Amino acid sequence: MNGSECNSCKAPIIWVRTATGKVMPVDARPAEDGNMVIDDGVARVIAKGESPPVGKLRWKSHFATCPAAQSFRKKR
């Protein structure tokens, strides 16, 4: 996991890979209400109400918390 900061809000983030191999910004601090776990640098979404595996923390995508997230979305 590679740490840096968001270009817009300057919050600390880490970069992780998704299961499809894309890179995604994640808040640098674990979140009790996070919907993913990070295993060997790869983010995996966990279902609502599902407990993370023993010893794993919950994380949240920075797209969900950044006030400027809309400006980073690709136009289709």
N, C-alpha and C. Protein backbone atom coordinates (compact mmCIF):
# COMPACT_ATOMS: atom_id res chain seq x y z
N MET A 1 0.84 -1.17 0.00
CA MET A 1 0.00 0.00 0.00
C MET A 1 0.89 1.23 0.00
N ASN A 2 0.54 2.14 -0.85
CA ASN A 2 1.35 3.33 -1.03
C ASN A 2 0.57 4.54 -0.48
N GLY A 3 1.15 5.27 0.48
CA GLY A 3 0.47 6.40 1.10
C GLY A 3 0.77 7.71 0.41
N SER A 4 -0.22 8.58 0.37
CA SER A 4 -0.05 9.93 -0.16
C SER A 4 -1.20 10.78 0.38
N GLU A 5 -1.53 11.86 -0.32
CA GLU A 5 -2.66 12.67 0.10
C GLU A 5 -3.52 13.00 -1.11
N CYS A 6 -4.79 13.23 -0.86
CA CYS A 6 -5.73 13.58 -1.92
C CYS A 6 -5.34 14.93 -2.52
N ASN A 7 -5.34 15.03 -3.82
CA ASN A 7 -5.01 16.30 -4.49
C ASN A 7 -6.00 17.41 -4.17
N SER A 8 -7.25 17.06 -3.88
CA SER A 8 -8.27 18.07 -3.63
C SER A 8 -8.41 18.45 -2.16
N CYS A 9 -8.70 17.46 -1.32
CA CYS A 9 -8.99 17.79 0.09
C CYS A 9 -7.79 17.61 1.01
N LYS A 10 -6.69 17.10 0.47
CA LYS A 10 -5.43 16.92 1.22
C LYS A 10 -5.51 15.87 2.34
N ALA A 11 -6.58 15.09 2.37
CA ALA A 11 -6.69 14.02 3.37
C ALA A 11 -5.68 12.92 3.06
N PRO A 12 -5.15 12.25 4.09
CA PRO A 12 -4.24 11.14 3.84
C PRO A 12 -4.98 9.95 3.23
N ILE A 13 -4.40 9.39 2.18
CA ILE A 13 -4.99 8.23 1.50
C ILE A 13 -3.92 7.19 1.25
N ILE A 14 -4.39 5.98 0.97
CA ILE A 14 -3.51 4.92 0.50
C ILE A 14 -4.07 4.43 -0.83
N TRP A 15 -3.21 3.90 -1.66
CA TRP A 15 -3.63 3.38 -2.96
C TRP A 15 -3.62 1.86 -2.89
N VAL A 16 -4.73 1.25 -3.29
CA VAL A 16 -4.84 -0.21 -3.29
C VAL A 16 -5.38 -0.66 -4.64
N ARG A 17 -5.19 -1.90 -4.94
CA ARG A 17 -5.73 -2.49 -6.17
C ARG A 17 -7.08 -3.11 -5.87
N THR A 18 -7.95 -3.06 -6.86
CA THR A 18 -9.23 -3.75 -6.76
C THR A 18 -9.03 -5.16 -7.31
N ALA A 19 -10.05 -5.99 -7.18
CA ALA A 19 -9.97 -7.35 -7.71
C ALA A 19 -9.77 -7.36 -9.22
N THR A 20 -10.18 -6.29 -9.90
CA THR A 20 -10.01 -6.21 -11.35
C THR A 20 -8.68 -5.59 -11.76
N GLY A 21 -7.87 -5.21 -10.76
CA GLY A 21 -6.54 -4.68 -11.05
C GLY A 21 -6.46 -3.17 -11.15
N LYS A 22 -7.58 -2.48 -11.00
CA LYS A 22 -7.56 -1.01 -11.03
C LYS A 22 -7.03 -0.48 -9.70
N VAL A 23 -6.50 0.73 -9.73
CA VAL A 23 -5.98 1.37 -8.52
C VAL A 23 -7.06 2.30 -7.96
N MET A 24 -7.25 2.26 -6.64
CA MET A 24 -8.32 3.03 -6.01
C MET A 24 -7.80 3.71 -4.75
N PRO A 25 -8.19 4.98 -4.51
CA PRO A 25 -7.79 5.64 -3.27
C PRO A 25 -8.69 5.21 -2.12
N VAL A 26 -8.08 4.95 -0.98
CA VAL A 26 -8.79 4.52 0.23
C VAL A 26 -8.34 5.43 1.36
N ASP A 27 -9.27 5.81 2.23
CA ASP A 27 -8.89 6.62 3.39
C ASP A 27 -7.79 5.90 4.17
N ALA A 28 -6.81 6.65 4.63
CA ALA A 28 -5.63 6.07 5.27
C ALA A 28 -5.92 5.47 6.64
N ARG A 29 -7.05 5.85 7.23
CA ARG A 29 -7.41 5.31 8.55
C ARG A 29 -8.55 4.31 8.41
N PRO A 30 -8.48 3.19 9.12
CA PRO A 30 -9.60 2.25 9.09
C PRO A 30 -10.88 2.93 9.58
N ALA A 31 -12.03 2.40 9.15
CA ALA A 31 -13.32 2.98 9.51
C ALA A 31 -14.25 1.87 9.99
N GLU A 32 -14.88 2.08 11.14
CA GLU A 32 -15.80 1.07 11.68
C GLU A 32 -16.95 0.79 10.71
N ASP A 33 -17.35 1.81 9.94
CA ASP A 33 -18.44 1.63 9.00
C ASP A 33 -17.95 1.37 7.57
N GLY A 34 -16.67 1.04 7.43
CA GLY A 34 -16.10 0.75 6.11
C GLY A 34 -16.73 -0.49 5.49
N ASN A 35 -16.71 -0.56 4.16
CA ASN A 35 -17.33 -1.68 3.48
C ASN A 35 -16.33 -2.54 2.71
N MET A 36 -15.05 -2.44 3.08
CA MET A 36 -14.07 -3.28 2.40
C MET A 36 -12.96 -3.69 3.36
N VAL A 37 -12.26 -4.74 2.99
CA VAL A 37 -11.06 -5.17 3.69
C VAL A 37 -9.93 -5.14 2.68
N ILE A 38 -8.72 -5.04 3.17
CA ILE A 38 -7.55 -5.04 2.30
C ILE A 38 -6.72 -6.26 2.66
N ASP A 39 -6.50 -7.10 1.68
CA ASP A 39 -5.75 -8.33 1.88
C ASP A 39 -4.63 -8.39 0.85
N ASP A 40 -3.41 -8.38 1.30
CA ASP A 40 -2.23 -8.38 0.41
C ASP A 40 -2.28 -7.24 -0.60
N GLY A 41 -2.75 -6.06 -0.16
CA GLY A 41 -2.79 -4.89 -1.02
C GLY A 41 -3.96 -4.84 -1.97
N VAL A 42 -4.88 -5.81 -1.89
CA VAL A 42 -6.05 -5.85 -2.77
C VAL A 42 -7.30 -5.60 -1.94
N ALA A 43 -8.13 -4.64 -2.38
CA ALA A 43 -9.37 -4.31 -1.68
C ALA A 43 -10.46 -5.29 -2.10
N ARG A 44 -11.23 -5.72 -1.11
CA ARG A 44 -12.37 -6.62 -1.36
C ARG A 44 -13.57 -6.08 -0.59
N VAL A 45 -14.68 -5.88 -1.29
CA VAL A 45 -15.89 -5.39 -0.65
C VAL A 45 -16.49 -6.49 0.20
N ILE A 46 -16.97 -6.11 1.39
CA ILE A 46 -17.67 -7.05 2.24
C ILE A 46 -19.13 -6.61 2.32
N ALA A 47 -20.00 -7.59 2.41
CA ALA A 47 -21.44 -7.32 2.43
C ALA A 47 -21.84 -6.59 3.71
N LYS A 48 -22.90 -5.82 3.61
CA LYS A 48 -23.42 -5.12 4.78
C LYS A 48 -23.78 -6.15 5.85
N GLY A 49 -23.31 -5.94 7.05
CA GLY A 49 -23.57 -6.87 8.14
C GLY A 49 -22.56 -7.99 8.25
N GLU A 50 -21.74 -8.18 7.22
CA GLU A 50 -20.70 -9.22 7.25
C GLU A 50 -19.54 -8.73 8.09
N SER A 51 -19.01 -9.59 8.92
CA SER A 51 -17.84 -9.24 9.72
C SER A 51 -16.58 -9.45 8.89
N PRO A 52 -15.59 -8.58 9.07
CA PRO A 52 -14.33 -8.81 8.35
C PRO A 52 -13.64 -10.04 8.90
N PRO A 53 -12.79 -10.68 8.12
CA PRO A 53 -12.04 -11.83 8.63
C PRO A 53 -11.25 -11.45 9.89
N VAL A 54 -10.99 -12.41 10.72
CA VAL A 54 -10.25 -12.18 11.96
C VAL A 54 -8.92 -11.51 11.65
N GLY A 55 -8.64 -10.43 12.37
CA GLY A 55 -7.38 -9.71 12.20
C GLY A 55 -7.39 -8.67 11.09
N LYS A 56 -8.49 -8.55 10.36
CA LYS A 56 -8.59 -7.57 9.26
C LYS A 56 -9.45 -6.39 9.71
N LEU A 57 -9.10 -5.22 9.24
CA LEU A 57 -9.83 -4.00 9.56
C LEU A 57 -10.75 -3.61 8.42
N ARG A 58 -11.74 -2.79 8.72
CA ARG A 58 -12.63 -2.24 7.70
C ARG A 58 -12.04 -0.94 7.17
N TRP A 59 -12.17 -0.72 5.88
CA TRP A 59 -11.67 0.49 5.23
C TRP A 59 -12.78 1.09 4.39
N LYS A 60 -12.59 2.37 4.02
CA LYS A 60 -13.59 3.06 3.22
C LYS A 60 -12.92 3.72 2.02
N SER A 61 -13.54 3.58 0.86
CA SER A 61 -13.05 4.23 -0.35
C SER A 61 -13.03 5.74 -0.14
N HIS A 62 -11.98 6.39 -0.62
CA HIS A 62 -11.92 7.84 -0.49
C HIS A 62 -12.96 8.51 -1.38
N PHE A 63 -13.43 7.82 -2.41
CA PHE A 63 -14.50 8.38 -3.24
C PHE A 63 -15.77 8.61 -2.42
N ALA A 64 -15.96 7.84 -1.35
CA ALA A 64 -17.14 7.98 -0.50
C ALA A 64 -17.02 9.12 0.50
N THR A 65 -15.82 9.59 0.77
CA THR A 65 -15.63 10.59 1.82
C THR A 65 -15.08 11.92 1.32
N CYS A 66 -14.52 11.97 0.14
CA CYS A 66 -13.92 13.21 -0.38
C CYS A 66 -14.99 14.20 -0.81
N PRO A 67 -14.90 15.44 -0.33
CA PRO A 67 -15.89 16.44 -0.76
C PRO A 67 -15.80 16.76 -2.26
N ALA A 68 -14.70 16.46 -2.89
CA ALA A 68 -14.52 16.77 -4.31
C ALA A 68 -14.59 15.52 -5.20
N ALA A 69 -15.16 14.44 -4.71
CA ALA A 69 -15.17 13.17 -5.45
C ALA A 69 -15.79 13.31 -6.84
N GLN A 70 -16.82 14.13 -6.98
CA GLN A 70 -17.47 14.28 -8.29
C GLN A 70 -16.52 14.78 -9.35
N SER A 71 -15.55 15.59 -8.98
CA SER A 71 -14.64 16.15 -9.98
C SER A 71 -13.67 15.11 -10.53
N PHE A 72 -13.55 13.96 -9.87
CA PHE A 72 -12.65 12.91 -10.34
C PHE A 72 -13.35 11.85 -11.17
N ARG A 73 -14.66 11.89 -11.22
CA ARG A 73 -15.40 10.88 -11.96
C ARG A 73 -15.21 11.09 -13.47
N LYS A 74 -15.08 9.97 -14.19
CA LYS A 74 -14.94 10.03 -15.64
C LYS A 74 -16.31 10.25 -16.26
N LYS A 75 -16.34 11.08 -17.30
CA LYS A 75 -17.59 11.30 -18.02
C LYS A 75 -17.79 10.15 -19.00
N ARG A 76 -19.02 9.71 -19.09
CA ARG A 76 -19.33 8.60 -19.99
C ARG A 76 -20.10 9.06 -21.18
